[in-house]
């Protein structure tokens, strides 16, 4: 019987979707709830909500781009440093290779053989040091741009969901009830699948996401009501 292993692939993209969707569902939802506690006009909620989604998606996307760019720059800097060290102090780098394999339980004789064999190919040698000494994986090409687009788009998709009832119901106080129902359902579904793909308990993970979103919206609503004096 053939054995098939299940592993999570494209974890960076999934992480970006989670970041964008979680904030997109929560922040505009809290904003809409807060405004609904202060005004009874869906038009105002929609205007403020769309403005927030645009600003939020740009800010989140820019954050993802800068994070990806920093990761790529850091990798390039460490890569160049490893090439320099391999050329300048090869015996010291060989000793570091031996330390890695010593941690795997290989005998000193095998450690020396592997280190000598690896030193014959500078590129593979440096790649090994990057992975196992520094724990760095080469970032995907255009990672920063892809991260920015994924996070920004996910934020927009998530943000539109809590605002959608306000497009069809003029009174924000009424639209809020539908927004709560739709958003809580989406938060649960989102939390469920997020937990599934990350190997966590799906139901409890979904409940955590719902509770966080509900608490944020409730806090915004109560504050707005208190300030408005209604």
N, C-alpha and C. Protein backbone atom coordinates (compact mmCIF):
# COMPACT_ATOMS: atom_id res chain seq x y z
N UNK A 1 0.85 -1.20 0.00
CA UNK A 1 0.00 0.00 0.00
C UNK A 1 0.88 1.25 0.00
N UNK A 2 0.62 2.13 -0.96
CA UNK A 2 1.43 3.33 -1.08
C UNK A 2 1.07 4.35 0.00
N UNK A 3 2.10 4.95 0.59
CA UNK A 3 1.90 5.92 1.67
C UNK A 3 1.88 7.33 1.11
N UNK A 4 0.87 8.09 1.47
CA UNK A 4 0.76 9.48 1.03
C UNK A 4 0.81 10.37 2.26
N UNK A 5 1.73 11.32 2.25
CA UNK A 5 1.82 12.26 3.36
C UNK A 5 1.13 13.56 2.99
N UNK A 6 0.40 14.10 3.97
CA UNK A 6 -0.31 15.36 3.77
C UNK A 6 0.48 16.49 4.41
N UNK A 7 0.89 17.43 3.59
CA UNK A 7 1.62 18.58 4.11
C UNK A 7 0.98 19.86 3.59
N UNK A 8 1.09 20.91 4.39
CA UNK A 8 0.54 22.19 4.01
C UNK A 8 1.50 22.88 3.05
N UNK A 9 1.01 23.21 1.87
CA UNK A 9 1.84 23.90 0.88
C UNK A 9 1.37 25.35 0.75
N UNK A 10 2.27 26.17 0.17
CA UNK A 10 1.97 27.58 -0.02
C UNK A 10 1.54 28.23 1.29
N UNK A 11 2.28 27.93 2.35
CA UNK A 11 1.91 28.44 3.66
C UNK A 11 1.97 29.95 3.73
N UNK A 12 2.88 30.57 2.97
CA UNK A 12 2.99 32.03 2.98
C UNK A 12 1.72 32.67 2.42
N UNK A 13 1.20 32.11 1.33
CA UNK A 13 -0.02 32.64 0.73
C UNK A 13 -1.21 32.46 1.66
N UNK A 14 -1.30 31.30 2.29
CA UNK A 14 -2.39 31.04 3.25
C UNK A 14 -2.29 32.01 4.42
N UNK A 15 -1.07 32.24 4.89
CA UNK A 15 -0.86 33.19 5.99
C UNK A 15 -1.34 34.59 5.59
N UNK A 16 -1.03 35.00 4.36
CA UNK A 16 -1.44 36.33 3.90
C UNK A 16 -2.96 36.44 3.80
N UNK A 17 -3.60 35.38 3.32
CA UNK A 17 -5.06 35.38 3.23
C UNK A 17 -5.68 35.48 4.62
N UNK A 18 -5.12 34.73 5.56
CA UNK A 18 -5.62 34.76 6.94
C UNK A 18 -5.46 36.15 7.53
N UNK A 19 -4.31 36.77 7.33
CA UNK A 19 -4.07 38.12 7.86
C UNK A 19 -5.07 39.11 7.27
N UNK A 20 -5.22 39.09 5.94
CA UNK A 20 -6.13 40.03 5.29
C UNK A 20 -7.58 39.80 5.64
N UNK A 21 -8.02 38.54 5.60
CA UNK A 21 -9.42 38.24 5.86
C UNK A 21 -9.81 38.49 7.32
N UNK A 22 -8.94 38.11 8.24
CA UNK A 22 -9.28 38.28 9.66
C UNK A 22 -9.44 39.74 10.02
N UNK A 23 -8.52 40.59 9.56
CA UNK A 23 -8.65 42.02 9.82
C UNK A 23 -9.78 42.63 9.01
N UNK A 24 -9.95 42.16 7.77
CA UNK A 24 -11.01 42.69 6.92
C UNK A 24 -12.40 42.42 7.47
N UNK A 25 -12.59 41.26 8.05
CA UNK A 25 -13.89 40.93 8.65
C UNK A 25 -14.10 41.67 9.96
N UNK A 26 -13.04 41.83 10.74
CA UNK A 26 -13.18 42.36 12.10
C UNK A 26 -13.24 43.88 12.16
N UNK A 27 -12.30 44.56 11.51
CA UNK A 27 -12.20 46.02 11.65
C UNK A 27 -13.40 46.76 11.04
N UNK A 28 -13.75 46.51 9.77
CA UNK A 28 -14.94 47.19 9.24
C UNK A 28 -16.22 46.80 9.98
N UNK A 29 -16.29 45.58 10.47
CA UNK A 29 -17.45 45.14 11.25
C UNK A 29 -17.57 45.97 12.52
N UNK A 30 -16.45 46.15 13.22
CA UNK A 30 -16.45 46.96 14.43
C UNK A 30 -16.79 48.42 14.12
N UNK A 31 -16.26 48.93 13.01
CA UNK A 31 -16.55 50.30 12.62
C UNK A 31 -18.03 50.49 12.31
N UNK A 32 -18.59 49.56 11.54
CA UNK A 32 -20.01 49.64 11.18
C UNK A 32 -20.88 49.56 12.42
N UNK A 33 -20.52 48.67 13.34
CA UNK A 33 -21.29 48.54 14.58
C UNK A 33 -21.21 49.81 15.41
N UNK A 34 -20.01 50.39 15.48
CA UNK A 34 -19.85 51.62 16.24
C UNK A 34 -20.64 52.77 15.65
N UNK A 35 -20.60 52.93 14.34
CA UNK A 35 -21.35 54.00 13.69
C UNK A 35 -22.85 53.77 13.81
N UNK A 36 -23.26 52.51 13.77
CA UNK A 36 -24.68 52.21 13.91
C UNK A 36 -25.20 52.58 15.30
N UNK A 37 -24.31 52.61 16.25
CA UNK A 37 -24.70 53.03 17.59
C UNK A 37 -24.77 54.54 17.74
N UNK A 38 -24.22 55.26 16.76
CA UNK A 38 -24.20 56.72 16.85
C UNK A 38 -25.15 57.39 15.86
N UNK A 39 -25.32 56.80 14.67
CA UNK A 39 -26.19 57.38 13.64
C UNK A 39 -27.13 56.31 13.13
N UNK A 40 -28.22 56.74 12.52
CA UNK A 40 -29.19 55.77 12.00
C UNK A 40 -29.31 55.89 10.48
N UNK A 41 -28.18 56.18 9.86
CA UNK A 41 -28.15 56.33 8.41
C UNK A 41 -27.16 55.33 7.82
N UNK A 42 -27.66 54.42 7.01
CA UNK A 42 -26.78 53.43 6.39
C UNK A 42 -25.81 54.09 5.41
N UNK A 43 -26.23 55.23 4.81
CA UNK A 43 -25.37 55.90 3.85
C UNK A 43 -24.07 56.36 4.51
N UNK A 44 -24.19 56.86 5.73
CA UNK A 44 -23.00 57.30 6.47
C UNK A 44 -22.10 56.11 6.80
N UNK A 45 -22.72 55.01 7.22
CA UNK A 45 -21.96 53.81 7.54
C UNK A 45 -21.23 53.29 6.31
N UNK A 46 -21.93 53.28 5.17
CA UNK A 46 -21.32 52.80 3.93
C UNK A 46 -20.14 53.67 3.53
N UNK A 47 -20.34 55.01 3.58
CA UNK A 47 -19.27 55.92 3.20
C UNK A 47 -18.04 55.73 4.07
N UNK A 48 -18.26 55.69 5.38
CA UNK A 48 -17.13 55.51 6.30
C UNK A 48 -16.52 54.12 6.15
N UNK A 49 -17.37 53.13 5.94
CA UNK A 49 -16.88 51.77 5.81
C UNK A 49 -16.02 51.57 4.57
N UNK A 50 -16.47 52.11 3.44
CA UNK A 50 -15.69 51.99 2.20
C UNK A 50 -14.37 52.73 2.33
N UNK A 51 -14.42 53.92 2.94
CA UNK A 51 -13.18 54.67 3.15
C UNK A 51 -12.20 53.87 4.01
N UNK A 52 -12.72 53.22 5.03
CA UNK A 52 -11.86 52.43 5.90
C UNK A 52 -11.30 51.22 5.17
N UNK A 53 -12.12 50.57 4.35
CA UNK A 53 -11.66 49.40 3.60
C UNK A 53 -10.55 49.78 2.63
N UNK A 54 -10.73 50.90 1.94
CA UNK A 54 -9.70 51.36 1.01
C UNK A 54 -8.40 51.65 1.75
N UNK A 55 -8.51 52.44 2.83
CA UNK A 55 -7.32 52.80 3.60
C UNK A 55 -6.70 51.56 4.25
N UNK A 56 -7.55 50.70 4.80
CA UNK A 56 -7.05 49.51 5.47
C UNK A 56 -6.36 48.55 4.53
N UNK A 57 -6.94 48.35 3.34
CA UNK A 57 -6.34 47.42 2.39
C UNK A 57 -4.99 47.93 1.90
N UNK A 58 -4.89 49.26 1.69
CA UNK A 58 -3.61 49.84 1.26
C UNK A 58 -2.57 49.70 2.37
N UNK A 59 -2.98 50.02 3.59
CA UNK A 59 -2.05 49.94 4.72
C UNK A 59 -1.60 48.50 4.96
N UNK A 60 -2.56 47.57 4.93
CA UNK A 60 -2.22 46.16 5.14
C UNK A 60 -1.35 45.63 4.01
N UNK A 61 -1.69 46.00 2.78
CA UNK A 61 -0.90 45.56 1.63
C UNK A 61 0.51 46.11 1.68
N UNK A 62 0.63 47.39 2.05
CA UNK A 62 1.95 48.00 2.17
C UNK A 62 2.77 47.30 3.26
N UNK A 63 2.10 46.97 4.36
CA UNK A 63 2.79 46.25 5.43
C UNK A 63 3.30 44.90 4.95
N UNK A 64 2.47 44.19 4.16
CA UNK A 64 2.89 42.90 3.61
C UNK A 64 4.05 43.06 2.64
N UNK A 65 4.01 44.14 1.84
CA UNK A 65 5.10 44.38 0.88
C UNK A 65 6.41 44.65 1.61
N UNK A 66 6.37 45.51 2.62
CA UNK A 66 7.57 45.85 3.37
C UNK A 66 8.14 44.63 4.10
N UNK A 67 7.23 43.80 4.65
CA UNK A 67 7.67 42.59 5.34
C UNK A 67 8.37 41.64 4.36
N UNK A 68 7.76 41.47 3.18
CA UNK A 68 8.35 40.60 2.17
C UNK A 68 9.68 41.13 1.65
N UNK A 69 9.74 42.45 1.47
CA UNK A 69 10.98 43.08 0.98
C UNK A 69 12.08 42.95 2.02
N UNK A 70 11.73 43.15 3.28
CA UNK A 70 12.72 43.01 4.36
C UNK A 70 13.26 41.58 4.43
N UNK A 71 12.36 40.61 4.27
CA UNK A 71 12.76 39.20 4.29
C UNK A 71 13.72 38.89 3.15
N UNK A 72 13.41 39.41 1.95
CA UNK A 72 14.27 39.17 0.79
C UNK A 72 15.64 39.84 0.96
N UNK A 73 15.64 41.08 1.46
CA UNK A 73 16.90 41.80 1.67
C UNK A 73 17.76 41.10 2.73
N UNK A 74 17.10 40.61 3.78
CA UNK A 74 17.83 39.91 4.84
C UNK A 74 18.46 38.63 4.30
N UNK A 75 17.70 37.89 3.49
CA UNK A 75 18.22 36.65 2.92
C UNK A 75 19.41 36.94 2.01
N UNK A 76 19.29 37.97 1.17
CA UNK A 76 20.38 38.32 0.25
C UNK A 76 21.64 38.72 1.01
N UNK A 77 21.46 39.46 2.10
CA UNK A 77 22.59 39.90 2.90
C UNK A 77 23.30 38.71 3.55
N UNK A 78 22.51 37.79 4.13
CA UNK A 78 23.10 36.62 4.78
C UNK A 78 23.73 35.67 3.75
N UNK A 79 23.14 35.60 2.56
CA UNK A 79 23.69 34.75 1.50
C UNK A 79 25.08 35.24 1.09
N UNK A 80 25.20 36.54 0.90
CA UNK A 80 26.49 37.10 0.54
C UNK A 80 27.52 36.88 1.64
N UNK A 81 27.08 37.00 2.88
CA UNK A 81 27.99 36.78 4.01
C UNK A 81 28.48 35.34 4.05
N UNK A 82 27.58 34.39 3.76
CA UNK A 82 27.98 32.98 3.76
C UNK A 82 28.99 32.68 2.65
N UNK A 83 28.77 33.26 1.46
CA UNK A 83 29.73 33.07 0.37
C UNK A 83 31.10 33.62 0.76
N UNK A 84 31.10 34.78 1.41
CA UNK A 84 32.37 35.38 1.84
C UNK A 84 33.07 34.49 2.86
N UNK A 85 32.32 33.94 3.81
CA UNK A 85 32.92 33.12 4.86
C UNK A 85 33.43 31.79 4.30
N UNK A 86 32.70 31.21 3.35
CA UNK A 86 33.14 29.96 2.73
C UNK A 86 34.46 30.17 2.00
N UNK A 87 34.62 31.34 1.36
CA UNK A 87 35.85 31.63 0.63
C UNK A 87 36.99 32.01 1.57
N UNK A 88 36.65 32.69 2.67
CA UNK A 88 37.68 33.25 3.57
C UNK A 88 38.10 32.28 4.67
N UNK A 89 37.13 31.59 5.26
CA UNK A 89 37.44 30.68 6.38
C UNK A 89 36.75 29.33 6.14
N UNK A 90 37.17 28.60 5.11
CA UNK A 90 36.48 27.35 4.76
C UNK A 90 36.53 26.29 5.86
N UNK A 91 37.63 26.20 6.60
CA UNK A 91 37.73 25.19 7.64
C UNK A 91 36.74 25.47 8.78
N UNK A 92 36.55 26.72 9.07
CA UNK A 92 35.57 27.07 10.10
C UNK A 92 34.16 26.73 9.66
N UNK A 93 33.88 26.95 8.38
CA UNK A 93 32.56 26.62 7.84
C UNK A 93 32.35 25.11 7.81
N UNK A 94 33.43 24.37 7.51
CA UNK A 94 33.34 22.90 7.56
C UNK A 94 33.01 22.43 8.97
N UNK A 95 33.64 23.08 9.94
CA UNK A 95 33.38 22.71 11.33
C UNK A 95 31.92 22.95 11.69
N UNK A 96 31.33 23.99 11.14
CA UNK A 96 29.92 24.26 11.40
C UNK A 96 29.03 23.22 10.74
N UNK A 97 29.43 22.74 9.58
CA UNK A 97 28.70 21.65 8.92
C UNK A 97 28.74 20.40 9.80
N UNK A 98 29.90 20.10 10.33
CA UNK A 98 30.06 18.93 11.20
C UNK A 98 29.18 19.04 12.44
N UNK A 99 29.06 20.25 12.97
CA UNK A 99 28.22 20.45 14.15
C UNK A 99 26.77 20.14 13.85
N UNK A 100 26.33 20.53 12.65
CA UNK A 100 24.94 20.24 12.26
C UNK A 100 24.70 18.74 12.21
N UNK A 101 25.62 18.01 11.56
CA UNK A 101 25.44 16.57 11.43
C UNK A 101 25.70 15.83 12.73
N UNK A 102 26.48 16.43 13.61
CA UNK A 102 26.67 15.85 14.93
C UNK A 102 25.35 15.84 15.68
N UNK A 103 24.56 16.91 15.45
CA UNK A 103 23.24 16.98 16.06
C UNK A 103 22.30 15.92 15.53
N UNK A 104 22.57 15.41 14.33
CA UNK A 104 21.77 14.33 13.75
C UNK A 104 22.24 12.96 14.22
N UNK A 105 23.32 12.93 14.98
CA UNK A 105 23.82 11.66 15.51
C UNK A 105 24.81 10.95 14.64
N UNK A 106 25.37 11.61 13.61
CA UNK A 106 26.35 10.97 12.74
C UNK A 106 27.70 10.86 13.46
N UNK A 107 28.45 9.83 13.12
CA UNK A 107 29.76 9.61 13.73
C UNK A 107 30.74 10.67 13.21
N UNK A 108 31.82 10.93 13.96
CA UNK A 108 32.83 11.90 13.50
C UNK A 108 33.38 11.58 12.12
N UNK A 109 33.55 10.29 11.81
CA UNK A 109 34.07 9.91 10.50
C UNK A 109 33.12 10.33 9.39
N UNK A 110 31.83 10.06 9.59
CA UNK A 110 30.85 10.45 8.58
C UNK A 110 30.73 11.97 8.49
N UNK A 111 30.86 12.64 9.62
CA UNK A 111 30.81 14.11 9.61
C UNK A 111 31.91 14.68 8.72
N UNK A 112 33.11 14.14 8.85
CA UNK A 112 34.23 14.61 8.03
C UNK A 112 34.01 14.31 6.55
N UNK A 113 33.49 13.12 6.25
CA UNK A 113 33.25 12.74 4.86
C UNK A 113 32.21 13.65 4.21
N UNK A 114 31.12 13.89 4.95
CA UNK A 114 30.05 14.73 4.41
C UNK A 114 30.53 16.17 4.22
N UNK A 115 31.27 16.69 5.19
CA UNK A 115 31.76 18.07 5.10
C UNK A 115 32.71 18.23 3.92
N UNK A 116 33.61 17.24 3.73
CA UNK A 116 34.56 17.31 2.60
C UNK A 116 33.84 17.21 1.27
N UNK A 117 32.84 16.33 1.21
CA UNK A 117 32.09 16.16 -0.04
C UNK A 117 31.28 17.42 -0.35
N UNK A 118 30.68 17.99 0.66
CA UNK A 118 29.87 19.19 0.46
C UNK A 118 30.72 20.38 0.01
N UNK A 119 31.95 20.45 0.50
CA UNK A 119 32.83 21.57 0.18
C UNK A 119 33.23 21.60 -1.30
N UNK A 120 32.96 20.50 -2.02
CA UNK A 120 33.31 20.47 -3.45
C UNK A 120 32.37 21.33 -4.29
N UNK A 121 31.18 21.60 -3.78
CA UNK A 121 30.21 22.43 -4.51
C UNK A 121 29.86 23.63 -3.65
N UNK A 122 30.42 24.78 -3.98
CA UNK A 122 30.25 25.97 -3.16
C UNK A 122 28.78 26.37 -3.01
N UNK A 123 28.03 26.29 -4.11
CA UNK A 123 26.63 26.73 -4.08
C UNK A 123 25.78 25.85 -3.16
N UNK A 124 25.98 24.53 -3.27
CA UNK A 124 25.22 23.62 -2.40
C UNK A 124 25.67 23.76 -0.95
N UNK A 125 26.95 24.02 -0.78
CA UNK A 125 27.50 24.22 0.56
C UNK A 125 26.85 25.43 1.23
N UNK A 126 26.81 26.53 0.52
CA UNK A 126 26.20 27.75 1.05
C UNK A 126 24.71 27.56 1.28
N UNK A 127 24.05 26.87 0.36
CA UNK A 127 22.62 26.63 0.52
C UNK A 127 22.35 25.81 1.78
N UNK A 128 23.20 24.83 2.03
CA UNK A 128 23.07 24.02 3.25
C UNK A 128 23.23 24.87 4.49
N UNK A 129 24.22 25.75 4.49
CA UNK A 129 24.46 26.61 5.65
C UNK A 129 23.30 27.57 5.88
N UNK A 130 22.73 28.07 4.80
CA UNK A 130 21.59 28.98 4.92
C UNK A 130 20.40 28.28 5.56
N UNK A 131 20.18 27.04 5.15
CA UNK A 131 19.02 26.30 5.65
C UNK A 131 19.20 25.79 7.07
N UNK A 132 20.34 25.18 7.33
CA UNK A 132 20.49 24.44 8.58
C UNK A 132 21.28 25.17 9.65
N UNK A 133 22.13 26.10 9.25
CA UNK A 133 22.82 26.90 10.26
C UNK A 133 22.00 28.13 10.64
N UNK A 134 21.48 28.82 9.62
CA UNK A 134 20.75 30.06 9.86
C UNK A 134 19.24 29.87 9.87
N UNK A 135 18.75 28.74 9.36
CA UNK A 135 17.31 28.50 9.33
C UNK A 135 16.57 29.39 8.37
N UNK A 136 17.22 29.75 7.24
CA UNK A 136 16.61 30.66 6.27
C UNK A 136 16.30 29.93 4.98
N UNK A 137 15.08 30.12 4.48
CA UNK A 137 14.68 29.57 3.19
C UNK A 137 14.65 30.71 2.17
N UNK A 138 15.04 30.41 0.94
CA UNK A 138 15.06 31.43 -0.10
C UNK A 138 13.64 31.90 -0.39
N UNK A 139 13.38 33.21 -0.28
CA UNK A 139 12.02 33.71 -0.56
C UNK A 139 11.65 33.49 -2.02
N UNK A 140 10.38 33.32 -2.26
CA UNK A 140 9.90 33.17 -3.63
C UNK A 140 10.12 34.47 -4.40
N UNK A 141 10.29 34.34 -5.71
CA UNK A 141 10.43 35.52 -6.55
C UNK A 141 9.16 36.36 -6.48
N UNK A 142 9.32 37.68 -6.41
CA UNK A 142 8.19 38.62 -6.32
C UNK A 142 7.33 38.37 -5.08
N UNK A 143 7.94 37.81 -4.03
CA UNK A 143 7.19 37.49 -2.82
C UNK A 143 6.54 38.73 -2.20
N UNK A 144 7.28 39.84 -2.17
CA UNK A 144 6.77 41.06 -1.55
C UNK A 144 5.53 41.56 -2.27
N UNK A 145 5.57 41.58 -3.59
CA UNK A 145 4.42 42.07 -4.37
C UNK A 145 3.22 41.13 -4.22
N UNK A 146 3.47 39.83 -4.27
CA UNK A 146 2.39 38.86 -4.12
C UNK A 146 1.74 38.97 -2.75
N UNK A 147 2.57 39.17 -1.73
CA UNK A 147 2.05 39.30 -0.37
C UNK A 147 1.17 40.53 -0.25
N UNK A 148 1.63 41.65 -0.82
CA UNK A 148 0.86 42.89 -0.76
C UNK A 148 -0.50 42.74 -1.43
N UNK A 149 -0.51 42.13 -2.62
CA UNK A 149 -1.76 41.96 -3.36
C UNK A 149 -2.71 41.00 -2.66
N UNK A 150 -2.16 39.91 -2.13
CA UNK A 150 -2.99 38.90 -1.45
C UNK A 150 -3.62 39.47 -0.19
N UNK A 151 -2.82 40.14 0.63
CA UNK A 151 -3.34 40.71 1.88
C UNK A 151 -4.36 41.81 1.58
N UNK A 152 -4.01 42.70 0.65
CA UNK A 152 -4.92 43.80 0.32
C UNK A 152 -6.25 43.32 -0.23
N UNK A 153 -6.21 42.36 -1.16
CA UNK A 153 -7.45 41.84 -1.76
C UNK A 153 -8.27 41.09 -0.72
N UNK A 154 -7.61 40.31 0.12
CA UNK A 154 -8.32 39.56 1.17
C UNK A 154 -8.99 40.51 2.15
N UNK A 155 -8.34 41.62 2.44
CA UNK A 155 -8.92 42.61 3.34
C UNK A 155 -10.19 43.21 2.73
N UNK A 156 -10.14 43.51 1.43
CA UNK A 156 -11.30 44.08 0.75
C UNK A 156 -12.47 43.09 0.77
N UNK A 157 -12.19 41.84 0.45
CA UNK A 157 -13.24 40.81 0.44
C UNK A 157 -13.85 40.66 1.83
N UNK A 158 -12.98 40.59 2.84
CA UNK A 158 -13.49 40.47 4.20
C UNK A 158 -14.26 41.69 4.64
N UNK A 159 -13.82 42.89 4.24
CA UNK A 159 -14.48 44.12 4.66
C UNK A 159 -15.84 44.36 4.05
N UNK A 160 -16.03 43.88 2.83
CA UNK A 160 -17.32 44.08 2.15
C UNK A 160 -18.43 43.29 2.83
N UNK A 161 -18.09 42.16 3.42
CA UNK A 161 -19.12 41.28 4.01
C UNK A 161 -19.93 41.98 5.10
N UNK A 162 -19.33 42.57 6.14
CA UNK A 162 -20.15 43.23 7.17
C UNK A 162 -20.87 44.48 6.68
N UNK A 163 -20.38 45.06 5.58
CA UNK A 163 -21.03 46.26 5.05
C UNK A 163 -22.20 45.95 4.13
N UNK A 164 -22.24 44.74 3.59
CA UNK A 164 -23.23 44.41 2.55
C UNK A 164 -24.68 44.68 2.95
N UNK A 165 -25.13 44.38 4.18
CA UNK A 165 -26.54 44.67 4.50
C UNK A 165 -26.89 46.15 4.45
N UNK A 166 -25.94 47.02 4.69
CA UNK A 166 -26.19 48.46 4.69
C UNK A 166 -26.51 49.00 3.30
N UNK A 167 -26.14 48.27 2.27
CA UNK A 167 -26.44 48.68 0.90
C UNK A 167 -27.93 48.49 0.58
N UNK A 168 -28.60 47.63 1.33
CA UNK A 168 -29.99 47.29 1.02
C UNK A 168 -30.98 47.79 2.07
N UNK A 169 -30.49 48.20 3.23
CA UNK A 169 -31.36 48.65 4.32
C UNK A 169 -30.96 50.06 4.72
N UNK A 170 -31.90 51.00 4.64
CA UNK A 170 -31.59 52.41 4.87
C UNK A 170 -31.25 52.72 6.32
N UNK A 171 -31.95 52.05 7.25
CA UNK A 171 -31.71 52.32 8.66
C UNK A 171 -30.55 51.46 9.18
N UNK A 172 -29.51 52.14 9.65
CA UNK A 172 -28.32 51.40 10.09
C UNK A 172 -28.60 50.53 11.31
N UNK A 173 -29.53 50.97 12.16
CA UNK A 173 -29.84 50.18 13.35
C UNK A 173 -30.44 48.83 12.98
N UNK A 174 -31.20 48.80 11.89
CA UNK A 174 -31.78 47.54 11.41
C UNK A 174 -30.72 46.73 10.63
N UNK A 175 -29.97 47.44 9.80
CA UNK A 175 -28.94 46.77 9.00
C UNK A 175 -27.90 46.10 9.89
N UNK A 176 -27.69 46.66 11.08
CA UNK A 176 -26.69 46.11 11.99
C UNK A 176 -27.01 44.67 12.38
N UNK A 177 -28.31 44.37 12.57
CA UNK A 177 -28.70 43.00 12.95
C UNK A 177 -28.31 42.00 11.86
N UNK A 178 -28.58 42.38 10.62
CA UNK A 178 -28.23 41.51 9.50
C UNK A 178 -26.72 41.42 9.33
N UNK A 179 -26.05 42.54 9.55
CA UNK A 179 -24.60 42.56 9.46
C UNK A 179 -23.98 41.62 10.49
N UNK A 180 -24.54 41.64 11.70
CA UNK A 180 -24.04 40.75 12.76
C UNK A 180 -24.22 39.29 12.37
N UNK A 181 -25.41 38.97 11.85
CA UNK A 181 -25.69 37.58 11.49
C UNK A 181 -24.77 37.09 10.37
N UNK A 182 -24.63 37.92 9.33
CA UNK A 182 -23.80 37.54 8.19
C UNK A 182 -22.33 37.45 8.59
N UNK A 183 -21.88 38.44 9.36
CA UNK A 183 -20.46 38.47 9.72
C UNK A 183 -20.09 37.35 10.69
N UNK A 184 -20.95 37.09 11.66
CA UNK A 184 -20.67 36.00 12.61
C UNK A 184 -20.59 34.67 11.87
N UNK A 185 -21.50 34.47 10.93
CA UNK A 185 -21.48 33.23 10.14
C UNK A 185 -20.18 33.13 9.34
N UNK A 186 -19.79 34.23 8.70
CA UNK A 186 -18.56 34.23 7.90
C UNK A 186 -17.32 34.07 8.78
N UNK A 187 -17.34 34.69 9.96
CA UNK A 187 -16.23 34.53 10.89
C UNK A 187 -16.08 33.07 11.31
N UNK A 188 -17.22 32.43 11.54
CA UNK A 188 -17.17 31.02 11.95
C UNK A 188 -16.63 30.15 10.82
N UNK A 189 -17.14 30.36 9.60
CA UNK A 189 -16.67 29.57 8.45
C UNK A 189 -15.19 29.83 8.20
N UNK A 190 -14.81 31.10 8.24
CA UNK A 190 -13.41 31.46 8.02
C UNK A 190 -12.51 30.84 9.10
N UNK A 191 -12.93 30.97 10.35
CA UNK A 191 -12.15 30.39 11.45
C UNK A 191 -12.06 28.88 11.36
N UNK A 192 -13.14 28.25 10.91
CA UNK A 192 -13.17 26.80 10.78
C UNK A 192 -12.14 26.32 9.75
N UNK A 193 -12.18 26.92 8.56
CA UNK A 193 -11.27 26.48 7.50
C UNK A 193 -9.83 26.90 7.78
N UNK A 194 -9.66 28.05 8.44
CA UNK A 194 -8.31 28.48 8.82
C UNK A 194 -7.69 27.47 9.77
N UNK A 195 -8.49 27.01 10.72
CA UNK A 195 -8.00 26.02 11.69
C UNK A 195 -7.73 24.68 11.02
N UNK A 196 -8.57 24.31 10.05
CA UNK A 196 -8.39 23.04 9.36
C UNK A 196 -7.07 23.00 8.60
N UNK A 197 -6.81 24.07 7.83
CA UNK A 197 -5.60 24.06 6.99
C UNK A 197 -4.33 24.23 7.82
N UNK A 198 -4.44 24.76 9.02
CA UNK A 198 -3.26 24.93 9.87
C UNK A 198 -3.11 23.80 10.88
N UNK A 199 -3.99 22.79 10.80
CA UNK A 199 -3.86 21.61 11.64
C UNK A 199 -4.32 21.80 13.07
N UNK A 200 -5.18 22.78 13.33
CA UNK A 200 -5.70 23.03 14.68
C UNK A 200 -7.10 22.45 14.81
N UNK A 201 -7.61 22.47 16.04
CA UNK A 201 -8.98 22.01 16.27
C UNK A 201 -9.94 22.98 15.58
N UNK A 202 -10.68 22.47 14.61
CA UNK A 202 -11.47 23.34 13.74
C UNK A 202 -12.58 24.08 14.48
N UNK A 203 -13.35 23.37 15.28
CA UNK A 203 -14.51 24.00 15.93
C UNK A 203 -14.09 25.04 16.95
N UNK A 204 -13.14 24.70 17.81
CA UNK A 204 -12.68 25.66 18.82
C UNK A 204 -11.99 26.84 18.17
N UNK A 205 -11.26 26.59 17.08
CA UNK A 205 -10.61 27.68 16.36
C UNK A 205 -11.62 28.64 15.76
N UNK A 206 -12.71 28.08 15.23
CA UNK A 206 -13.77 28.91 14.67
C UNK A 206 -14.43 29.76 15.74
N UNK A 207 -14.66 29.16 16.90
CA UNK A 207 -15.29 29.91 18.00
C UNK A 207 -14.40 31.06 18.47
N UNK A 208 -13.10 30.84 18.50
CA UNK A 208 -12.18 31.90 18.91
C UNK A 208 -12.27 33.10 17.97
N UNK A 209 -12.32 32.82 16.68
CA UNK A 209 -12.40 33.90 15.69
C UNK A 209 -13.72 34.66 15.85
N UNK A 210 -14.81 33.94 16.07
CA UNK A 210 -16.12 34.58 16.26
C UNK A 210 -16.12 35.45 17.50
N UNK A 211 -15.59 34.95 18.59
CA UNK A 211 -15.58 35.70 19.85
C UNK A 211 -14.77 36.99 19.71
N UNK A 212 -13.62 36.91 19.07
CA UNK A 212 -12.79 38.10 18.89
C UNK A 212 -13.51 39.16 18.07
N UNK A 213 -14.12 38.74 16.94
CA UNK A 213 -14.85 39.68 16.11
C UNK A 213 -16.05 40.27 16.81
N UNK A 214 -16.79 39.44 17.55
CA UNK A 214 -17.98 39.91 18.26
C UNK A 214 -17.62 40.89 19.37
N UNK A 215 -16.55 40.61 20.10
CA UNK A 215 -16.12 41.50 21.17
C UNK A 215 -15.69 42.86 20.63
N UNK A 216 -14.98 42.85 19.50
CA UNK A 216 -14.54 44.11 18.90
C UNK A 216 -15.74 44.95 18.47
N UNK A 217 -16.72 44.32 17.83
CA UNK A 217 -17.90 45.04 17.38
C UNK A 217 -18.73 45.54 18.56
N UNK A 218 -18.89 44.70 19.57
CA UNK A 218 -19.67 45.08 20.75
C UNK A 218 -19.02 46.26 21.47
N UNK A 219 -17.70 46.24 21.59
CA UNK A 219 -16.99 47.34 22.25
C UNK A 219 -17.18 48.64 21.49
N UNK A 220 -17.05 48.58 20.16
CA UNK A 220 -17.23 49.78 19.35
C UNK A 220 -18.65 50.32 19.45
N UNK A 221 -19.62 49.42 19.47
CA UNK A 221 -21.03 49.83 19.56
C UNK A 221 -21.31 50.51 20.90
N UNK A 222 -20.84 49.92 21.99
CA UNK A 222 -21.08 50.46 23.33
C UNK A 222 -20.41 51.83 23.48
N UNK A 223 -19.17 51.96 22.99
CA UNK A 223 -18.47 53.24 23.09
C UNK A 223 -19.21 54.31 22.32
N UNK A 224 -19.63 53.99 21.09
CA UNK A 224 -20.34 54.96 20.27
C UNK A 224 -21.66 55.37 20.93
N UNK A 225 -22.36 54.42 21.48
CA UNK A 225 -23.63 54.72 22.19
C UNK A 225 -23.38 55.62 23.39
N UNK A 226 -22.31 55.34 24.12
CA UNK A 226 -22.00 56.11 25.30
C UNK A 226 -21.65 57.55 24.95
N UNK A 227 -20.83 57.71 23.92
CA UNK A 227 -20.40 59.05 23.50
C UNK A 227 -21.58 59.83 22.94
N UNK A 228 -22.42 59.13 22.19
CA UNK A 228 -23.57 59.81 21.57
C UNK A 228 -24.66 60.10 22.59
N UNK A 229 -24.61 59.43 23.73
CA UNK A 229 -25.57 59.69 24.79
C UNK A 229 -26.94 59.13 24.53
N UNK A 230 -27.01 58.08 23.71
CA UNK A 230 -28.32 57.49 23.40
C UNK A 230 -28.45 56.12 24.03
